[in-house]
Amino acid sequence: MARRNQFIISNSMAKPLLLAIEPEGSFYPLQKGQEVSVTDRYTSAPVTVKVTNSEQGDTILSIWPGDGDVTIEKDGVDVLDLVQTALDVRSE
């Protein structure tokens, strides 16, 4: 039987919170006051959220899918699409 989990990640720190979306290895900076919605559809293994620090001291929140589908959205847009759009602009 499929299960569903949904939660909000909100950054209330003074500096950006770096979201690491795994297993793609995509990074998205969540600025102060911004939030994303995480929806997890899984069977038996839910999403895992891991908090670490980079060598520079930045806070990294890694989001690892379990055995289902995870969607991370900011203002109704998939964060992976936002990451790709930013990469496309930089390569022009």
Protein backbone atom coordinates (compact mmCIF):
# COMPACT_ATOMS: atom_id res chain seq x y z
CA MET A 1 0.00 0.00 0.00
CA ALA A 2 1.34 3.41 -1.00
CA ARG A 3 1.87 6.03 1.67
CA ARG A 4 2.18 9.78 1.39
CA ASN A 5 4.11 12.29 3.46
CA GLN A 6 4.23 16.05 2.97
CA PHE A 7 6.21 18.65 4.90
CA ILE A 8 7.65 22.15 4.58
CA ILE A 9 11.31 23.11 4.90
CA SER A 10 11.64 26.76 5.90
CA ASN A 11 14.89 28.67 6.26
CA SER A 12 14.89 31.04 9.23
CA MET A 13 18.70 31.33 9.38
CA ALA A 14 20.47 34.56 8.43
CA LYS A 15 22.36 32.84 5.62
CA PRO A 16 21.24 30.52 2.82
CA LEU A 17 20.45 26.88 3.52
CA LEU A 18 21.87 24.70 0.77
CA LEU A 19 19.48 21.96 -0.34
CA ALA A 20 21.20 18.91 -1.83
CA ILE A 21 18.70 16.97 -3.89
CA GLU A 22 19.88 13.40 -4.17
CA PRO A 23 20.70 11.18 -5.96
CA GLU A 24 20.96 13.83 -8.72
CA GLY A 25 23.50 15.79 -6.68
CA SER A 26 21.74 19.08 -7.50
CA PHE A 27 22.15 22.00 -5.13
CA TYR A 28 19.62 24.76 -4.51
CA PRO A 29 20.22 27.71 -2.14
CA LEU A 30 17.19 28.39 0.03
CA GLN A 31 17.43 32.03 1.11
CA LYS A 32 16.33 33.41 4.49
CA GLY A 33 12.53 33.41 4.70
CA GLN A 34 12.09 31.03 1.76
CA GLU A 35 10.50 27.61 1.97
CA VAL A 36 9.96 24.50 -0.10
CA SER A 37 7.31 21.82 0.06
CA VAL A 38 8.42 18.18 0.05
CA THR A 39 5.95 15.48 -1.04
CA ASP A 40 7.00 11.85 -0.59
CA ARG A 41 5.04 8.93 -2.04
CA TYR A 42 6.55 5.65 -0.86
CA THR A 43 5.75 2.03 -0.04
CA SER A 44 7.91 1.13 2.95
CA ALA A 45 10.98 3.42 3.00
CA PRO A 46 10.25 7.18 3.34
CA VAL A 47 12.53 10.07 2.42
CA THR A 48 15.65 10.62 4.54
CA VAL A 49 16.73 14.17 5.46
CA LYS A 50 20.35 14.62 6.55
CA VAL A 51 21.91 17.84 7.91
CA THR A 52 25.66 18.44 7.47
CA ASN A 53 28.13 21.30 7.11
CA SER A 54 30.39 21.99 4.14
CA GLU A 55 34.11 22.56 4.63
CA GLN A 56 33.31 26.30 4.38
CA GLY A 57 30.76 26.01 7.21
CA ASP A 58 27.61 26.22 5.07
CA THR A 59 24.62 24.23 6.30
CA ILE A 60 23.58 21.52 3.84
CA LEU A 61 20.25 19.72 4.01
CA SER A 62 20.39 16.56 1.88
CA ILE A 63 17.13 14.99 0.77
CA TRP A 64 17.38 11.30 -0.16
CA PRO A 65 14.38 9.46 -1.63
CA GLY A 66 13.29 6.14 -0.15
CA ASP A 67 11.53 3.60 -2.32
CA GLY A 68 9.11 6.04 -3.91
CA ASP A 69 8.85 9.41 -5.62
CA VAL A 70 9.88 12.67 -3.97
CA THR A 71 8.83 16.07 -5.28
CA ILE A 72 10.37 19.28 -3.94
CA GLU A 73 8.59 22.47 -4.95
CA LYS A 74 9.14 26.19 -4.38
CA ASP A 75 6.15 28.38 -5.19
CA GLY A 76 4.57 25.47 -7.10
CA VAL A 77 7.62 24.86 -9.31
CA ASP A 78 9.79 21.72 -9.08
CA VAL A 79 13.15 22.75 -7.59
CA LEU A 80 15.02 20.57 -10.12
CA ASP A 81 13.46 22.71 -12.89
CA LEU A 82 14.69 25.86 -11.09
CA VAL A 83 18.20 24.38 -10.86
CA GLN A 84 18.17 23.51 -14.59
CA THR A 85 16.94 26.99 -15.53
CA ALA A 86 19.76 28.58 -13.51
CA LEU A 87 22.30 26.30 -15.24
CA ASP A 88 20.89 27.16 -18.67
CA VAL A 89 21.19 30.91 -17.96
CA ARG A 90 24.80 30.52 -16.80
CA SER A 91 25.80 28.59 -19.93
CA GLU A 92 24.48 31.26 -22.33
